[in-house]
Amino acid sequence: MDELWFLMPVAMFVLGSIWIASRLKHNATPNDHKDGLE
C-alpha cells in the first residue's frame, strides 16, 4: 500500500507533463486557434 503514495505523485507528474506538451504543441501551430482563443 505504501507504493500507492509514491505512484500517485509520479502519475500526476507524468499526466501533467503530457498535458503541458500537448498544450505547447497546440500553441506552436498557428492554424489551430479554436483552443482557448475565443
C-alpha atoms as a PDB file:
ATOM      1  CA  MET A   1       0.000   0.000   0.000  1.00  0.00           C
ATOM      2  CA  ASP A   2       2.955   2.331   0.564  1.00  0.00           C
ATOM      3  CA  GLU A   3       3.776   2.162  -3.134  1.00  0.00           C
ATOM      4  CA  LEU A   4       0.497   3.927  -3.900  1.00  0.00           C
ATOM      5  CA  TRP A   5       1.693   7.082  -2.153  1.00  0.00           C
ATOM      6  CA  PHE A   6       4.772   7.065  -4.384  1.00  0.00           C
ATOM      7  CA  LEU A   7       2.979   6.205  -7.622  1.00  0.00           C
ATOM      8  CA  MET A   8       0.239   8.827  -7.240  1.00  0.00           C
ATOM      9  CA  PRO A   9       2.503  11.929  -7.476  1.00  0.00           C
ATOM     10  CA  VAL A  10       4.530  10.265 -10.223  1.00  0.00           C
ATOM     11  CA  ALA A  11       1.384   9.547 -12.248  1.00  0.00           C
ATOM     12  CA  MET A  12       0.175  13.119 -11.690  1.00  0.00           C
ATOM     13  CA  PHE A  13       3.545  14.488 -12.833  1.00  0.00           C
ATOM     14  CA  VAL A  14       3.534  12.323 -15.962  1.00  0.00           C
ATOM     15  CA  LEU A  15      -0.039  13.279 -16.835  1.00  0.00           C
ATOM     16  CA  GLY A  16       0.773  16.938 -16.210  1.00  0.00           C
ATOM     17  CA  SER A  17       3.818  16.764 -18.476  1.00  0.00           C
ATOM     18  CA  ILE A  18       1.777  15.147 -21.256  1.00  0.00           C
ATOM     19  CA  TRP A  19      -0.934  17.809 -20.873  1.00  0.00           C
ATOM     20  CA  ILE A  20       1.612  20.650 -20.975  1.00  0.00           C
ATOM     21  CA  ALA A  21       3.326  19.104 -24.003  1.00  0.00           C
ATOM     22  CA  SER A  22       0.020  18.843 -25.856  1.00  0.00           C
ATOM     23  CA  ARG A  23      -0.806  22.463 -24.960  1.00  0.00           C
ATOM     24  CA  LEU A  24       2.583  23.617 -26.272  1.00  0.00           C
ATOM     25  CA  LYS A  25       2.026  21.662 -29.477  1.00  0.00           C
ATOM     26  CA  HIS A  26      -1.355  23.347 -29.985  1.00  0.00           C
ATOM     27  CA  ASN A  27       0.159  26.769 -29.293  1.00  0.00           C
ATOM     28  CA  ALA A  28       3.009  26.085 -31.721  1.00  0.00           C
ATOM     29  CA  THR A  29       0.633  25.522 -34.644  1.00  0.00           C
ATOM     30  CA  PRO A  30      -0.621  28.925 -35.871  1.00  0.00           C
ATOM     31  CA  ASN A  31      -3.531  27.375 -37.779  1.00  0.00           C
ATOM     32  CA  ASP A  32      -5.125  25.943 -34.639  1.00  0.00           C
ATOM     33  CA  HIS A  33      -6.905  28.823 -32.931  1.00  0.00           C
ATOM     34  CA  LYS A  34     -10.037  27.124 -31.658  1.00  0.00           C
ATOM     35  CA  ASP A  35      -8.489  26.208 -28.309  1.00  0.00           C
ATOM     36  CA  GLY A  36      -8.931  28.955 -25.705  1.00  0.00           C
ATOM     37  CA  LEU A  37      -8.753  31.959 -28.030  1.00  0.00           C
ATOM     38  CA  GLU A  38     -12.440  32.781 -28.323  1.00  0.00           C
END
